[in-house]
PDB file of N, CA and C in Angstrom:
ATOM      1  N   UNK A   1     -29.403  35.663   6.791  1.00  0.00           N
ATOM      2  CA  UNK A   1     -29.426  34.224   6.851  1.00  0.00           C
ATOM      3  C   UNK A   1     -29.282  33.679   5.430  1.00  0.00           C
ATOM      4  N   UNK A   2     -28.368  32.752   5.263  1.00  0.00           N
ATOM      5  CA  UNK A   2     -28.178  32.096   3.974  1.00  0.00           C
ATOM      6  C   UNK A   2     -29.168  30.950   3.837  1.00  0.00           C
ATOM      7  N   UNK A   3     -29.816  30.882   2.693  1.00  0.00           N
ATOM      8  CA  UNK A   3     -30.751  29.790   2.458  1.00  0.00           C
ATOM      9  C   UNK A   3     -30.115  28.761   1.525  1.00  0.00           C
ATOM     10  N   UNK A   4     -30.601  27.562   1.596  1.00  0.00           N
ATOM     11  CA  UNK A   4     -30.127  26.453   0.772  1.00  0.00           C
ATOM     12  C   UNK A   4     -31.240  26.016  -0.171  1.00  0.00           C
ATOM     13  N   UNK A   5     -30.865  25.745  -1.409  1.00  0.00           N
ATOM     14  CA  UNK A   5     -31.808  25.187  -2.370  1.00  0.00           C
ATOM     15  C   UNK A   5     -31.841  23.678  -2.199  1.00  0.00           C
ATOM     16  N   UNK A   6     -33.043  23.121  -2.184  1.00  0.00           N
ATOM     17  CA  UNK A   6     -33.235  21.713  -1.850  1.00  0.00           C
ATOM     18  C   UNK A   6     -33.856  20.960  -3.021  1.00  0.00           C
ATOM     19  N   UNK A   7     -33.311  19.797  -3.297  1.00  0.00           N
ATOM     20  CA  UNK A   7     -33.921  18.826  -4.213  1.00  0.00           C
ATOM     21  C   UNK A   7     -34.611  17.810  -3.327  1.00  0.00           C
ATOM     22  N   UNK A   8     -35.918  17.681  -3.473  1.00  0.00           N
ATOM     23  CA  UNK A   8     -36.697  16.766  -2.644  1.00  0.00           C
ATOM     24  C   UNK A   8     -36.931  15.476  -3.418  1.00  0.00           C
ATOM     25  N   UNK A   9     -36.199  14.438  -3.076  1.00  0.00           N
ATOM     26  CA  UNK A   9     -36.280  13.152  -3.769  1.00  0.00           C
ATOM     27  C   UNK A   9     -37.305  12.251  -3.112  1.00  0.00           C
ATOM     28  N   UNK A  10     -37.938  11.439  -3.916  1.00  0.00           N
ATOM     29  CA  UNK A  10     -38.877  10.464  -3.376  1.00  0.00           C
ATOM     30  C   UNK A  10     -39.770   9.908  -4.460  1.00  0.00           C
ATOM     31  N   UNK A  11     -40.189   8.689  -4.266  1.00  0.00           N
ATOM     32  CA  UNK A  11     -41.097   8.058  -5.212  1.00  0.00           C
ATOM     33  C   UNK A  11     -42.461   8.722  -5.183  1.00  0.00           C
ATOM     34  N   UNK A  12     -43.137   8.710  -6.313  1.00  0.00           N
ATOM     35  CA  UNK A  12     -44.480   9.283  -6.394  1.00  0.00           C
ATOM     36  C   UNK A  12     -45.382   8.352  -7.201  1.00  0.00           C
ATOM     37  N   UNK A  13     -45.290   7.067  -6.870  1.00  0.00           N
ATOM     38  CA  UNK A  13     -45.993   6.054  -7.651  1.00  0.00           C
ATOM     39  C   UNK A  13     -47.128   5.364  -6.893  1.00  0.00           C
ATOM     40  N   UNK A  14     -47.337   5.738  -5.622  1.00  0.00           N
ATOM     41  CA  UNK A  14     -48.491   5.206  -4.887  1.00  0.00           C
ATOM     42  C   UNK A  14     -48.939   6.246  -3.862  1.00  0.00           C
ATOM     43  N   UNK A  15     -50.077   6.007  -3.259  1.00  0.00           N
ATOM     44  CA  UNK A  15     -50.660   6.978  -2.324  1.00  0.00           C
ATOM     45  C   UNK A  15     -49.753   7.255  -1.132  1.00  0.00           C
ATOM     46  N   UNK A  16     -49.116   6.236  -0.602  1.00  0.00           N
ATOM     47  CA  UNK A  16     -48.235   6.392   0.558  1.00  0.00           C
ATOM     48  C   UNK A  16     -47.062   7.301   0.225  1.00  0.00           C
ATOM     49  N   UNK A  17     -46.453   7.076  -0.912  1.00  0.00           N
ATOM     50  CA  UNK A  17     -45.318   7.904  -1.326  1.00  0.00           C
ATOM     51  C   UNK A  17     -45.761   9.344  -1.560  1.00  0.00           C
ATOM     52  N   UNK A  18     -46.887   9.536  -2.230  1.00  0.00           N
ATOM     53  CA  UNK A  18     -47.371  10.886  -2.506  1.00  0.00           C
ATOM     54  C   UNK A  18     -47.715  11.652  -1.235  1.00  0.00           C
ATOM     55  N   UNK A  19     -48.305  10.957  -0.276  1.00  0.00           N
ATOM     56  CA  UNK A  19     -48.631  11.589   1.005  1.00  0.00           C
ATOM     57  C   UNK A  19     -47.361  12.043   1.719  1.00  0.00           C
ATOM     58  N   UNK A  20     -46.354  11.187   1.731  1.00  0.00           N
ATOM     59  CA  UNK A  20     -45.087  11.534   2.371  1.00  0.00           C
ATOM     60  C   UNK A  20     -44.429  12.718   1.665  1.00  0.00           C
ATOM     61  N   UNK A  21     -44.401  12.713   0.330  1.00  0.00           N
ATOM     62  CA  UNK A  21     -43.789  13.821  -0.411  1.00  0.00           C
ATOM     63  C   UNK A  21     -44.495  15.140  -0.149  1.00  0.00           C
ATOM     64  N   UNK A  22     -45.809  15.103  -0.046  1.00  0.00           N
ATOM     65  CA  UNK A  22     -46.564  16.320   0.248  1.00  0.00           C
ATOM     66  C   UNK A  22     -46.163  16.873   1.612  1.00  0.00           C
ATOM     67  N   UNK A  23     -46.080  16.009   2.609  1.00  0.00           N
ATOM     68  CA  UNK A  23     -45.690  16.439   3.958  1.00  0.00           C
ATOM     69  C   UNK A  23     -44.268  17.000   3.971  1.00  0.00           C
ATOM     70  N   UNK A  24     -43.352  16.310   3.321  1.00  0.00           N
ATOM     71  CA  UNK A  24     -41.954  16.770   3.282  1.00  0.00           C
ATOM     72  C   UNK A  24     -41.870  18.118   2.568  1.00  0.00           C
ATOM     73  N   UNK A  25     -42.539  18.246   1.434  1.00  0.00           N
ATOM     74  CA  UNK A  25     -42.527  19.510   0.698  1.00  0.00           C
ATOM     75  C   UNK A  25     -43.064  20.666   1.512  1.00  0.00           C
ATOM     76  N   UNK A  26     -44.158  20.441   2.234  1.00  0.00           N
ATOM     77  CA  UNK A  26     -44.734  21.488   3.077  1.00  0.00           C
ATOM     78  C   UNK A  26     -43.767  21.909   4.172  1.00  0.00           C
ATOM     79  N   UNK A  27     -43.136  20.942   4.815  1.00  0.00           N
ATOM     80  CA  UNK A  27     -42.185  21.251   5.891  1.00  0.00           C
ATOM     81  C   UNK A  27     -40.977  22.013   5.346  1.00  0.00           C
ATOM     82  N   UNK A  28     -40.470  21.604   4.202  1.00  0.00           N
ATOM     83  CA  UNK A  28     -39.323  22.301   3.615  1.00  0.00           C
ATOM     84  C   UNK A  28     -39.669  23.746   3.300  1.00  0.00           C
ATOM     85  N   UNK A  29     -40.842  23.972   2.748  1.00  0.00           N
ATOM     86  CA  UNK A  29     -41.246  25.325   2.377  1.00  0.00           C
ATOM     87  C   UNK A  29     -41.469  26.212   3.591  1.00  0.00           C
ATOM     88  N   UNK A  30     -41.757  25.622   4.751  1.00  0.00           N
ATOM     89  CA  UNK A  30     -41.946  26.381   5.989  1.00  0.00           C
ATOM     90  C   UNK A  30     -40.620  26.725   6.668  1.00  0.00           C
ATOM     91  N   UNK A  31     -39.556  26.064   6.278  1.00  0.00           N
ATOM     92  CA  UNK A  31     -38.256  26.233   6.923  1.00  0.00           C
ATOM     93  C   UNK A  31     -37.578  27.494   6.392  1.00  0.00           C
ATOM     94  N   UNK A  32     -37.269  28.456   7.259  1.00  0.00           N
ATOM     95  CA  UNK A  32     -36.663  29.709   6.795  1.00  0.00           C
ATOM     96  C   UNK A  32     -35.236  29.553   6.256  1.00  0.00           C
ATOM     97  N   UNK A  33     -34.604  28.433   6.500  1.00  0.00           N
ATOM     98  CA  UNK A  33     -33.251  28.223   5.971  1.00  0.00           C
ATOM     99  C   UNK A  33     -33.280  27.599   4.573  1.00  0.00           C
ATOM    100  N   UNK A  34     -34.470  27.316   4.078  1.00  0.00           N
ATOM    101  CA  UNK A  34     -34.634  26.712   2.764  1.00  0.00           C
ATOM    102  C   UNK A  34     -35.066  27.779   1.761  1.00  0.00           C
ATOM    103  N   UNK A  35     -34.343  27.824   0.631  1.00  0.00           N
ATOM    104  CA  UNK A  35     -34.700  28.734  -0.453  1.00  0.00           C
ATOM    105  C   UNK A  35     -35.659  28.033  -1.403  1.00  0.00           C
ATOM    106  N   UNK A  36     -35.189  27.726  -2.589  1.00  0.00           N
ATOM    107  CA  UNK A  36     -36.008  27.023  -3.579  1.00  0.00           C
ATOM    108  C   UNK A  36     -36.086  25.535  -3.243  1.00  0.00           C
ATOM    109  N   UNK A  37     -37.255  24.948  -3.487  1.00  0.00           N
ATOM    110  CA  UNK A  37     -37.462  23.514  -3.301  1.00  0.00           C
ATOM    111  C   UNK A  37     -37.863  22.938  -4.653  1.00  0.00           C
ATOM    112  N   UNK A  38     -37.049  22.002  -5.162  1.00  0.00           N
ATOM    113  CA  UNK A  38     -37.366  21.333  -6.420  1.00  0.00           C
ATOM    114  C   UNK A  38     -38.085  20.035  -6.091  1.00  0.00           C
ATOM    115  N   UNK A  39     -39.306  19.923  -6.582  1.00  0.00           N
ATOM    116  CA  UNK A  39     -40.130  18.736  -6.364  1.00  0.00           C
ATOM    117  C   UNK A  39     -40.285  18.019  -7.706  1.00  0.00           C
ATOM    118  N   UNK A  40     -39.547  16.926  -7.923  1.00  0.00           N
ATOM    119  CA  UNK A  40     -39.609  16.246  -9.217  1.00  0.00           C
ATOM    120  C   UNK A  40     -41.020  15.867  -9.644  1.00  0.00           C
ATOM    121  N   UNK A  41     -41.860  15.507  -8.692  1.00  0.00           N
ATOM    122  CA  UNK A  41     -43.222  15.102  -9.044  1.00  0.00           C
ATOM    123  C   UNK A  41     -44.034  16.264  -9.608  1.00  0.00           C
ATOM    124  N   UNK A  42     -43.582  17.485  -9.364  1.00  0.00           N
ATOM    125  CA  UNK A  42     -44.268  18.671  -9.889  1.00  0.00           C
ATOM    126  C   UNK A  42     -43.653  19.146 -11.205  1.00  0.00           C
ATOM    127  N   UNK A  43     -42.573  18.525 -11.623  1.00  0.00           N
ATOM    128  CA  UNK A  43     -41.867  18.906 -12.851  1.00  0.00           C
ATOM    129  C   UNK A  43     -41.807  17.710 -13.799  1.00  0.00           C
ATOM    130  N   UNK A  44     -42.965  17.210 -14.147  1.00  0.00           N
ATOM    131  CA  UNK A  44     -43.034  16.029 -14.986  1.00  0.00           C
ATOM    132  C   UNK A  44     -42.676  16.342 -16.432  1.00  0.00           C
ATOM    133  N   UNK A  45     -42.028  15.389 -17.057  1.00  0.00           N
ATOM    134  CA  UNK A  45     -41.682  15.493 -18.464  1.00  0.00           C
ATOM    135  C   UNK A  45     -42.942  15.364 -19.311  1.00  0.00           C
ATOM    136  N   UNK A  46     -42.836  15.812 -20.547  1.00  0.00           N
ATOM    137  CA  UNK A  46     -43.947  15.644 -21.476  1.00  0.00           C
ATOM    138  C   UNK A  46     -43.908  14.221 -22.022  1.00  0.00           C
ATOM    139  N   UNK A  47     -44.978  13.824 -22.621  1.00  0.00           N
ATOM    140  CA  UNK A  47     -45.042  12.475 -23.164  1.00  0.00           C
ATOM    141  C   UNK A  47     -45.769  11.544 -22.219  1.00  0.00           C
ATOM    142  N   UNK A  48     -45.933  10.317 -22.652  1.00  0.00           N
ATOM    143  CA  UNK A  48     -46.652   9.327 -21.872  1.00  0.00           C
ATOM    144  C   UNK A  48     -45.857   8.916 -20.637  1.00  0.00           C
ATOM    145  N   UNK A  49     -46.501   8.981 -19.481  1.00  0.00           N
ATOM    146  CA  UNK A  49     -45.870   8.604 -18.221  1.00  0.00           C
ATOM    147  C   UNK A  49     -45.283   7.196 -18.334  1.00  0.00           C
ATOM    148  N   UNK A  50     -44.000   7.078 -18.028  1.00  0.00           N
ATOM    149  CA  UNK A  50     -43.340   5.779 -18.051  1.00  0.00           C
ATOM    150  C   UNK A  50     -42.746   5.389 -19.391  1.00  0.00           C
ATOM    151  N   UNK A  51     -43.027   6.170 -20.439  1.00  0.00           N
ATOM    152  CA  UNK A  51     -42.464   5.860 -21.752  1.00  0.00           C
ATOM    153  C   UNK A  51     -40.969   6.152 -21.759  1.00  0.00           C
ATOM    154  N   UNK A  52     -40.260   5.658 -22.744  1.00  0.00           N
ATOM    155  CA  UNK A  52     -38.827   5.919 -22.845  1.00  0.00           C
ATOM    156  C   UNK A  52     -38.555   7.416 -22.927  1.00  0.00           C
ATOM    157  N   UNK A  53     -39.344   8.117 -23.748  1.00  0.00           N
ATOM    158  CA  UNK A  53     -39.181   9.574 -23.864  1.00  0.00           C
ATOM    159  C   UNK A  53     -39.337  10.249 -22.500  1.00  0.00           C
ATOM    160  N   UNK A  54     -40.379   9.869 -21.751  1.00  0.00           N
ATOM    161  CA  UNK A  54     -40.629  10.431 -20.432  1.00  0.00           C
ATOM    162  C   UNK A  54     -39.465  10.136 -19.497  1.00  0.00           C
ATOM    163  N   UNK A  55     -38.969   8.899 -19.508  1.00  0.00           N
ATOM    164  CA  UNK A  55     -37.865   8.506 -18.627  1.00  0.00           C
ATOM    165  C   UNK A  55     -36.605   9.313 -18.915  1.00  0.00           C
ATOM    166  N   UNK A  56     -36.266   9.488 -20.194  1.00  0.00           N
ATOM    167  CA  UNK A  56     -35.060  10.241 -20.566  1.00  0.00           C
ATOM    168  C   UNK A  56     -35.190  11.698 -20.150  1.00  0.00           C
ATOM    169  N   UNK A  57     -36.335  12.315 -20.428  1.00  0.00           N
ATOM    170  CA  UNK A  57     -36.545  13.714 -20.052  1.00  0.00           C
ATOM    171  C   UNK A  57     -36.501  13.900 -18.536  1.00  0.00           C
ATOM    172  N   UNK A  58     -37.136  12.992 -17.819  1.00  0.00           N
ATOM    173  CA  UNK A  58     -37.157  13.069 -16.362  1.00  0.00           C
ATOM    174  C   UNK A  58     -35.751  12.907 -15.803  1.00  0.00           C
ATOM    175  N   UNK A  59     -35.022  11.934 -16.295  1.00  0.00           N
ATOM    176  CA  UNK A  59     -33.636  11.687 -15.860  1.00  0.00           C
ATOM    177  C   UNK A  59     -32.783  12.933 -16.068  1.00  0.00           C
ATOM    178  N   UNK A  60     -32.852  13.520 -17.260  1.00  0.00           N
ATOM    179  CA  UNK A  60     -32.034  14.699 -17.561  1.00  0.00           C
ATOM    180  C   UNK A  60     -32.426  15.899 -16.704  1.00  0.00           C
ATOM    181  N   UNK A  61     -33.714  16.097 -16.496  1.00  0.00           N
ATOM    182  CA  UNK A  61     -34.170  17.213 -15.656  1.00  0.00           C
ATOM    183  C   UNK A  61     -33.736  17.020 -14.206  1.00  0.00           C
ATOM    184  N   UNK A  62     -33.797  15.777 -13.728  1.00  0.00           N
ATOM    185  CA  UNK A  62     -33.392  15.498 -12.347  1.00  0.00           C
ATOM    186  C   UNK A  62     -31.896  15.725 -12.149  1.00  0.00           C
ATOM    187  N   UNK A  63     -31.091  15.355 -13.121  1.00  0.00           N
ATOM    188  CA  UNK A  63     -29.640  15.587 -13.016  1.00  0.00           C
ATOM    189  C   UNK A  63     -29.360  17.077 -12.864  1.00  0.00           C
ATOM    190  N   UNK A  64     -29.952  17.879 -13.719  1.00  0.00           N
ATOM    191  CA  UNK A  64     -29.740  19.331 -13.654  1.00  0.00           C
ATOM    192  C   UNK A  64     -30.213  19.879 -12.306  1.00  0.00           C
ATOM    193  N   UNK A  65     -31.372  19.445 -11.862  1.00  0.00           N
ATOM    194  CA  UNK A  65     -31.923  19.945 -10.598  1.00  0.00           C
ATOM    195  C   UNK A  65     -31.051  19.544  -9.404  1.00  0.00           C
ATOM    196  N   UNK A  66     -30.541  18.323  -9.404  1.00  0.00           N
ATOM    197  CA  UNK A  66     -29.657  17.895  -8.312  1.00  0.00           C
ATOM    198  C   UNK A  66     -28.371  18.711  -8.341  1.00  0.00           C
ATOM    199  N   UNK A  67     -27.819  18.916  -9.517  1.00  0.00           N
ATOM    200  CA  UNK A  67     -26.589  19.710  -9.635  1.00  0.00           C
ATOM    201  C   UNK A  67     -26.796  21.137  -9.153  1.00  0.00           C
ATOM    202  N   UNK A  68     -27.974  21.690  -9.359  1.00  0.00           N
ATOM    203  CA  UNK A  68     -28.272  23.071  -8.963  1.00  0.00           C
ATOM    204  C   UNK A  68     -28.707  23.206  -7.514  1.00  0.00           C
ATOM    205  N   UNK A  69     -28.863  22.100  -6.824  1.00  0.00           N
ATOM    206  CA  UNK A  69     -29.285  22.152  -5.422  1.00  0.00           C
ATOM    207  C   UNK A  69     -28.069  22.225  -4.502  1.00  0.00           C
ATOM    208  N   UNK A  70     -28.316  22.672  -3.291  1.00  0.00           N
ATOM    209  CA  UNK A  70     -27.277  22.660  -2.260  1.00  0.00           C
ATOM    210  C   UNK A  70     -27.332  21.370  -1.454  1.00  0.00           C
ATOM    211  N   UNK A  71     -28.523  20.811  -1.366  1.00  0.00           N
ATOM    212  CA  UNK A  71     -28.741  19.620  -0.543  1.00  0.00           C
ATOM    213  C   UNK A  71     -29.880  18.799  -1.145  1.00  0.00           C
ATOM    214  N   UNK A  72     -29.813  17.494  -0.922  1.00  0.00           N
ATOM    215  CA  UNK A  72     -30.890  16.596  -1.342  1.00  0.00           C
ATOM    216  C   UNK A  72     -31.532  16.007  -0.099  1.00  0.00           C
ATOM    217  N   UNK A  73     -32.856  16.099  -0.028  1.00  0.00           N
ATOM    218  CA  UNK A  73     -33.628  15.484   1.049  1.00  0.00           C
ATOM    219  C   UNK A  73     -34.406  14.345   0.418  1.00  0.00           C
ATOM    220  N   UNK A  74     -34.235  13.143   0.952  1.00  0.00           N
ATOM    221  CA  UNK A  74     -34.902  11.972   0.382  1.00  0.00           C
ATOM    222  C   UNK A  74     -35.973  11.440   1.324  1.00  0.00           C
ATOM    223  N   UNK A  75     -37.149  11.228   0.770  1.00  0.00           N
ATOM    224  CA  UNK A  75     -38.269  10.637   1.513  1.00  0.00           C
ATOM    225  C   UNK A  75     -38.417   9.198   1.043  1.00  0.00           C
ATOM    226  N   UNK A  76     -38.173   8.271   1.951  1.00  0.00           N
ATOM    227  CA  UNK A  76     -38.211   6.856   1.605  1.00  0.00           C
ATOM    228  C   UNK A  76     -39.164   6.148   2.550  1.00  0.00           C
ATOM    229  N   UNK A  77     -40.021   5.313   1.969  1.00  0.00           N
ATOM    230  CA  UNK A  77     -40.919   4.508   2.787  1.00  0.00           C
ATOM    231  C   UNK A  77     -40.392   3.079   2.849  1.00  0.00           C
ATOM    232  N   UNK A  78     -40.529   2.470   3.998  1.00  0.00           N
ATOM    233  CA  UNK A  78     -40.062   1.087   4.173  1.00  0.00           C
ATOM    234  C   UNK A  78     -40.806   0.111   3.278  1.00  0.00           C
ATOM    235  N   UNK A  79     -42.080   0.386   3.059  1.00  0.00           N
ATOM    236  CA  UNK A  79     -42.895  -0.559   2.305  1.00  0.00           C
ATOM    237  C   UNK A  79     -42.657  -0.502   0.802  1.00  0.00           C
ATOM    238  N   UNK A  80     -42.059   0.573   0.323  1.00  0.00           N
ATOM    239  CA  UNK A  80     -41.895   0.701  -1.117  1.00  0.00           C
ATOM    240  C   UNK A  80     -40.725   1.607  -1.464  1.00  0.00           C
ATOM    241  N   UNK A  81     -39.494   1.171  -1.184  1.00  0.00           N
ATOM    242  CA  UNK A  81     -38.353   2.018  -1.561  1.00  0.00           C
ATOM    243  C   UNK A  81     -38.297   2.141  -3.084  1.00  0.00           C
ATOM    244  N   UNK A  82     -38.115   3.342  -3.557  1.00  0.00           N
ATOM    245  CA  UNK A  82     -38.138   3.630  -4.980  1.00  0.00           C
ATOM    246  C   UNK A  82     -36.717   3.623  -5.536  1.00  0.00           C
ATOM    247  N   UNK A  83     -36.482   2.848  -6.585  1.00  0.00           N
ATOM    248  CA  UNK A  83     -35.129   2.739  -7.146  1.00  0.00           C
ATOM    249  C   UNK A  83     -34.635   4.081  -7.678  1.00  0.00           C
ATOM    250  N   UNK A  84     -35.536   4.913  -8.192  1.00  0.00           N
ATOM    251  CA  UNK A  84     -35.129   6.236  -8.662  1.00  0.00           C
ATOM    252  C   UNK A  84     -34.633   7.112  -7.525  1.00  0.00           C
ATOM    253  N   UNK A  85     -35.286   7.024  -6.388  1.00  0.00           N
ATOM    254  CA  UNK A  85     -34.858   7.793  -5.217  1.00  0.00           C
ATOM    255  C   UNK A  85     -33.490   7.319  -4.742  1.00  0.00           C
ATOM    256  N   UNK A  86     -33.290   6.017  -4.739  1.00  0.00           N
ATOM    257  CA  UNK A  86     -31.993   5.476  -4.343  1.00  0.00           C
ATOM    258  C   UNK A  86     -30.907   5.982  -5.289  1.00  0.00           C
ATOM    259  N   UNK A  87     -31.227   6.035  -6.581  1.00  0.00           N
ATOM    260  CA  UNK A  87     -30.267   6.561  -7.557  1.00  0.00           C
ATOM    261  C   UNK A  87     -29.982   8.040  -7.283  1.00  0.00           C
ATOM    262  N   UNK A  88     -31.031   8.827  -7.008  1.00  0.00           N
ATOM    263  CA  UNK A  88     -30.855  10.255  -6.736  1.00  0.00           C
ATOM    264  C   UNK A  88     -29.930  10.470  -5.542  1.00  0.00           C
ATOM    265  N   UNK A  89     -30.090   9.659  -4.504  1.00  0.00           N
ATOM    266  CA  UNK A  89     -29.224   9.744  -3.325  1.00  0.00           C
ATOM    267  C   UNK A  89     -27.780   9.451  -3.723  1.00  0.00           C
ATOM    268  N   UNK A  90     -27.573   8.375  -4.453  1.00  0.00           N
ATOM    269  CA  UNK A  90     -26.227   7.995  -4.879  1.00  0.00           C
ATOM    270  C   UNK A  90     -25.582   9.042  -5.754  1.00  0.00           C
ATOM    271  N   UNK A  91     -26.343   9.598  -6.697  1.00  0.00           N
ATOM    272  CA  UNK A  91     -25.804  10.640  -7.565  1.00  0.00           C
ATOM    273  C   UNK A  91     -25.420  11.873  -6.759  1.00  0.00           C
ATOM    274  N   UNK A  92     -26.294  12.266  -5.848  1.00  0.00           N
ATOM    275  CA  UNK A  92     -26.020  13.445  -5.012  1.00  0.00           C
ATOM    276  C   UNK A  92     -24.745  13.241  -4.193  1.00  0.00           C
ATOM    277  N   UNK A  93     -24.595  12.078  -3.608  1.00  0.00           N
ATOM    278  CA  UNK A  93     -23.383  11.779  -2.833  1.00  0.00           C
ATOM    279  C   UNK A  93     -22.163  11.810  -3.745  1.00  0.00           C
ATOM    280  N   UNK A  94     -22.320  11.223  -4.931  1.00  0.00           N
ATOM    281  CA  UNK A  94     -21.213  11.161  -5.883  1.00  0.00           C
ATOM    282  C   UNK A  94     -20.703  12.518  -6.327  1.00  0.00           C
ATOM    283  N   UNK A  95     -21.582  13.521  -6.347  1.00  0.00           N
ATOM    284  CA  UNK A  95     -21.132  14.860  -6.756  1.00  0.00           C
ATOM    285  C   UNK A  95     -20.923  15.784  -5.559  1.00  0.00           C
ATOM    286  N   UNK A  96     -20.927  15.198  -4.378  1.00  0.00           N
ATOM    287  CA  UNK A  96     -20.559  15.964  -3.186  1.00  0.00           C
ATOM    288  C   UNK A  96     -21.678  16.737  -2.521  1.00  0.00           C
ATOM    289  N   UNK A  97     -22.906  16.313  -2.706  1.00  0.00           N
ATOM    290  CA  UNK A  97     -24.037  16.993  -2.034  1.00  0.00           C
ATOM    291  C   UNK A  97     -24.249  16.427  -0.660  1.00  0.00           C
TER     292      UNK A  97
END
């Protein structure tokens, strides 16, 4: 069986988003067709959260991770759609994911 590497996109800025990401991550890891799962919230950049340095490092790491994935799974909540997640979806589509 061939497995796919997954980039799990989603906001992690409030309790609702974090709860959803945890559930999605657990389900992905249980799926036998899924290989590696990249969870951006678990790969935080160094520096102060939200600082310019943090934003640049996070952006660059996310680009590499999306490029190295086979598929992007996005977790979006109606009450708080995250602009970064929307960007991740658009970038993934733009490069043919």
